[in-house]
Structure formats: structure tokens, C-alpha cells
Amino acid sequence: SQDGGKTFTAYNANLFTMARYGAYPTDTAWYVAAGAWPSSERGNEPLRKSFFHDRNGKLRKFKHEQVGDAGWEAQIARTTDGGKTW
């Protein structure tokens, strides 16, 4: 948001998990941490379903896919041009 939270702009960082945290040190340099984890401590149960609103406001289901034996997924995305490229 650039107007105190009245409106928001969605950016596609091509993440394979849900974005969780963001850091914005400048107007054009942004870092986004994303990740998913198993729904149990054993790590062998399916990941929980998540939902999000797309840029048109439509509620969508986010598809989680387990990776490896533990089921943990993580990534960090960075842009230095205000979200034009990641």
C-alpha cells in the first residue's frame, strides 16, 4: 500500500508456497519470505489447505504439495525494481 493501507496492489513473485513475511527496506527493494510446513509434528500428514484472495478479489484455494520426507518448504523472493521482476 502506498496510501496508508486504504488500497493494496498484488504482485506475482512466482512463489510455490504462501508468502508469510515481507521486508521493504526501500520503495523498490523488497524481500518476501514464504513457506509451508506439515500439519503434524511427525511431518507425514498432508499440509493444511490455505485460501487467498487473488488480485480481482476472488477467493482461491492455494495448492500445497509436500516436498521431501519432512514436508517442509521454504523460499525467499527479492525484487530490486518495485515488483516488476523477482
C-alpha atoms as a PDB file:
ATOM      1  CA  SER A   1       0.000   0.000   0.000  1.00  0.00           C
ATOM      2  CA  GLN A   2       1.176   3.491  -0.740  1.00  0.00           C
ATOM      3  CA  ASP A   3      -1.810   5.274   0.820  1.00  0.00           C
ATOM      4  CA  GLY A   4      -1.703   4.158   4.433  1.00  0.00           C
ATOM      5  CA  GLY A   5      -3.499   0.869   3.823  1.00  0.00           C
ATOM      6  CA  LYS A   6      -6.576   2.170   2.021  1.00  0.00           C
ATOM      7  CA  THR A   7      -5.706   0.181  -1.106  1.00  0.00           C
ATOM      8  CA  PHE A   8      -3.245  -2.606  -1.874  1.00  0.00           C
ATOM      9  CA  THR A   9      -1.544  -3.778  -5.046  1.00  0.00           C
ATOM     10  CA  ALA A  10      -0.906  -7.501  -5.626  1.00  0.00           C
ATOM     11  CA  TYR A  11       2.406  -8.622  -7.108  1.00  0.00           C
ATOM     12  CA  ASN A  12       3.189 -12.054  -8.538  1.00  0.00           C
ATOM     13  CA  ALA A  13       6.520 -13.198  -7.128  1.00  0.00           C
ATOM     14  CA  ASN A  14       6.033 -16.713  -8.604  1.00  0.00           C
ATOM     15  CA  LEU A  15       6.092 -18.340  -5.166  1.00  0.00           C
ATOM     16  CA  PHE A  16       5.300 -22.047  -4.784  1.00  0.00           C
ATOM     17  CA  THR A  17       4.176 -21.510  -1.168  1.00  0.00           C
ATOM     18  CA  MET A  18       2.252 -18.794   0.627  1.00  0.00           C
ATOM     19  CA  ALA A  19       4.057 -15.541   1.380  1.00  0.00           C
ATOM     20  CA  ARG A  20       4.450 -15.137   5.129  1.00  0.00           C
ATOM     21  CA  TYR A  21       6.601 -12.107   5.854  1.00  0.00           C
ATOM     22  CA  GLY A  22       7.894  -9.124   3.941  1.00  0.00           C
ATOM     23  CA  ALA A  23      10.637  -6.587   4.460  1.00  0.00           C
ATOM     24  CA  TYR A  24      10.718  -3.388   2.439  1.00  0.00           C
ATOM     25  CA  PRO A  25      13.971  -1.509   3.079  1.00  0.00           C
ATOM     26  CA  THR A  26      13.321   0.911   0.180  1.00  0.00           C
ATOM     27  CA  ASP A  27      10.481   1.739  -2.195  1.00  0.00           C
ATOM     28  CA  THR A  28      11.944  -0.619  -4.807  1.00  0.00           C
ATOM     29  CA  ALA A  29      13.866  -3.264  -2.801  1.00  0.00           C
ATOM     30  CA  TRP A  30      11.587  -5.869  -1.207  1.00  0.00           C
ATOM     31  CA  TYR A  31      12.182  -9.279   0.352  1.00  0.00           C
ATOM     32  CA  VAL A  32       9.415 -11.825   0.842  1.00  0.00           C
ATOM     33  CA  ALA A  33       9.765 -14.989   2.905  1.00  0.00           C
ATOM     34  CA  ALA A  34       7.415 -17.835   2.075  1.00  0.00           C
ATOM     35  CA  GLY A  35       6.936 -21.304   3.444  1.00  0.00           C
ATOM     36  CA  ALA A  36       4.713 -24.202   4.423  1.00  0.00           C
ATOM     37  CA  TRP A  37       5.073 -26.982   6.919  1.00  0.00           C
ATOM     38  CA  PRO A  38       3.292 -30.219   7.774  1.00  0.00           C
ATOM     39  CA  SER A  39       0.147 -30.092   9.860  1.00  0.00           C
ATOM     40  CA  SER A  40       1.639 -32.503  12.404  1.00  0.00           C
ATOM     41  CA  GLU A  41       4.912 -32.770  14.266  1.00  0.00           C
ATOM     42  CA  ARG A  42       5.532 -36.142  12.611  1.00  0.00           C
ATOM     43  CA  GLY A  43       5.806 -34.423   9.238  1.00  0.00           C
ATOM     44  CA  ASN A  44       3.995 -37.154   7.335  1.00  0.00           C
ATOM     45  CA  GLU A  45       0.474 -35.772   7.278  1.00  0.00           C
ATOM     46  CA  PRO A  46      -0.860 -33.581   4.468  1.00  0.00           C
ATOM     47  CA  LEU A  47      -0.360 -29.848   4.632  1.00  0.00           C
ATOM     48  CA  ARG A  48      -3.377 -27.795   5.616  1.00  0.00           C
ATOM     49  CA  LYS A  49      -5.412 -26.090   2.936  1.00  0.00           C
ATOM     50  CA  SER A  50      -4.978 -22.347   2.619  1.00  0.00           C
ATOM     51  CA  PHE A  51      -7.077 -19.759   0.867  1.00  0.00           C
ATOM     52  CA  PHE A  52      -6.203 -16.353  -0.532  1.00  0.00           C
ATOM     53  CA  HIS A  53      -7.822 -13.528  -2.475  1.00  0.00           C
ATOM     54  CA  ASP A  54      -6.464 -13.017  -5.972  1.00  0.00           C
ATOM     55  CA  ARG A  55      -5.917  -9.568  -7.464  1.00  0.00           C
ATOM     56  CA  ASN A  56      -9.583  -9.485  -8.564  1.00  0.00           C
ATOM     57  CA  GLY A  57     -10.812 -10.231  -5.029  1.00  0.00           C
ATOM     58  CA  LYS A  58     -11.876 -13.809  -5.813  1.00  0.00           C
ATOM     59  CA  LEU A  59     -11.274 -16.384  -3.058  1.00  0.00           C
ATOM     60  CA  ARG A  60      -8.953 -19.117  -4.303  1.00  0.00           C
ATOM     61  CA  LYS A  61      -7.542 -22.302  -2.811  1.00  0.00           C
ATOM     62  CA  PHE A  62      -3.762 -22.444  -2.545  1.00  0.00           C
ATOM     63  CA  LYS A  63      -2.454 -25.867  -3.508  1.00  0.00           C
ATOM     64  CA  HIS A  64       0.259 -27.207  -1.219  1.00  0.00           C
ATOM     65  CA  GLU A  65       2.470 -30.029  -2.362  1.00  0.00           C
ATOM     66  CA  GLN A  66       4.751 -31.794   0.060  1.00  0.00           C
ATOM     67  CA  VAL A  67       8.418 -31.753  -0.821  1.00  0.00           C
ATOM     68  CA  GLY A  68      10.723 -34.451   0.520  1.00  0.00           C
ATOM     69  CA  ASP A  69      10.157 -36.651   3.524  1.00  0.00           C
ATOM     70  CA  ALA A  70       9.717 -33.867   6.061  1.00  0.00           C
ATOM     71  CA  GLY A  71       7.188 -31.879   4.021  1.00  0.00           C
ATOM     72  CA  TRP A  72       8.868 -28.556   4.758  1.00  0.00           C
ATOM     73  CA  GLU A  73       9.004 -25.937   2.006  1.00  0.00           C
ATOM     74  CA  ALA A  74      10.664 -22.525   2.121  1.00  0.00           C
ATOM     75  CA  GLN A  75      11.839 -19.765  -0.171  1.00  0.00           C
ATOM     76  CA  ILE A  76      12.842 -16.137  -0.249  1.00  0.00           C
ATOM     77  CA  ALA A  77      11.973 -13.820  -3.130  1.00  0.00           C
ATOM     78  CA  ARG A  78      13.659 -10.476  -3.827  1.00  0.00           C
ATOM     79  CA  THR A  79      12.893  -7.606  -6.145  1.00  0.00           C
ATOM     80  CA  THR A  80      15.007  -4.518  -6.677  1.00  0.00           C
ATOM     81  CA  ASP A  81      12.687  -2.780  -9.143  1.00  0.00           C
ATOM     82  CA  GLY A  82       9.474  -2.434  -7.155  1.00  0.00           C
ATOM     83  CA  GLY A  83       7.977  -5.807  -8.088  1.00  0.00           C
ATOM     84  CA  LYS A  84       8.470  -5.710 -11.867  1.00  0.00           C
ATOM     85  CA  THR A  85      10.876  -8.664 -11.726  1.00  0.00           C
ATOM     86  CA  TRP A  86      11.690 -11.142  -8.933  1.00  0.00           C
END
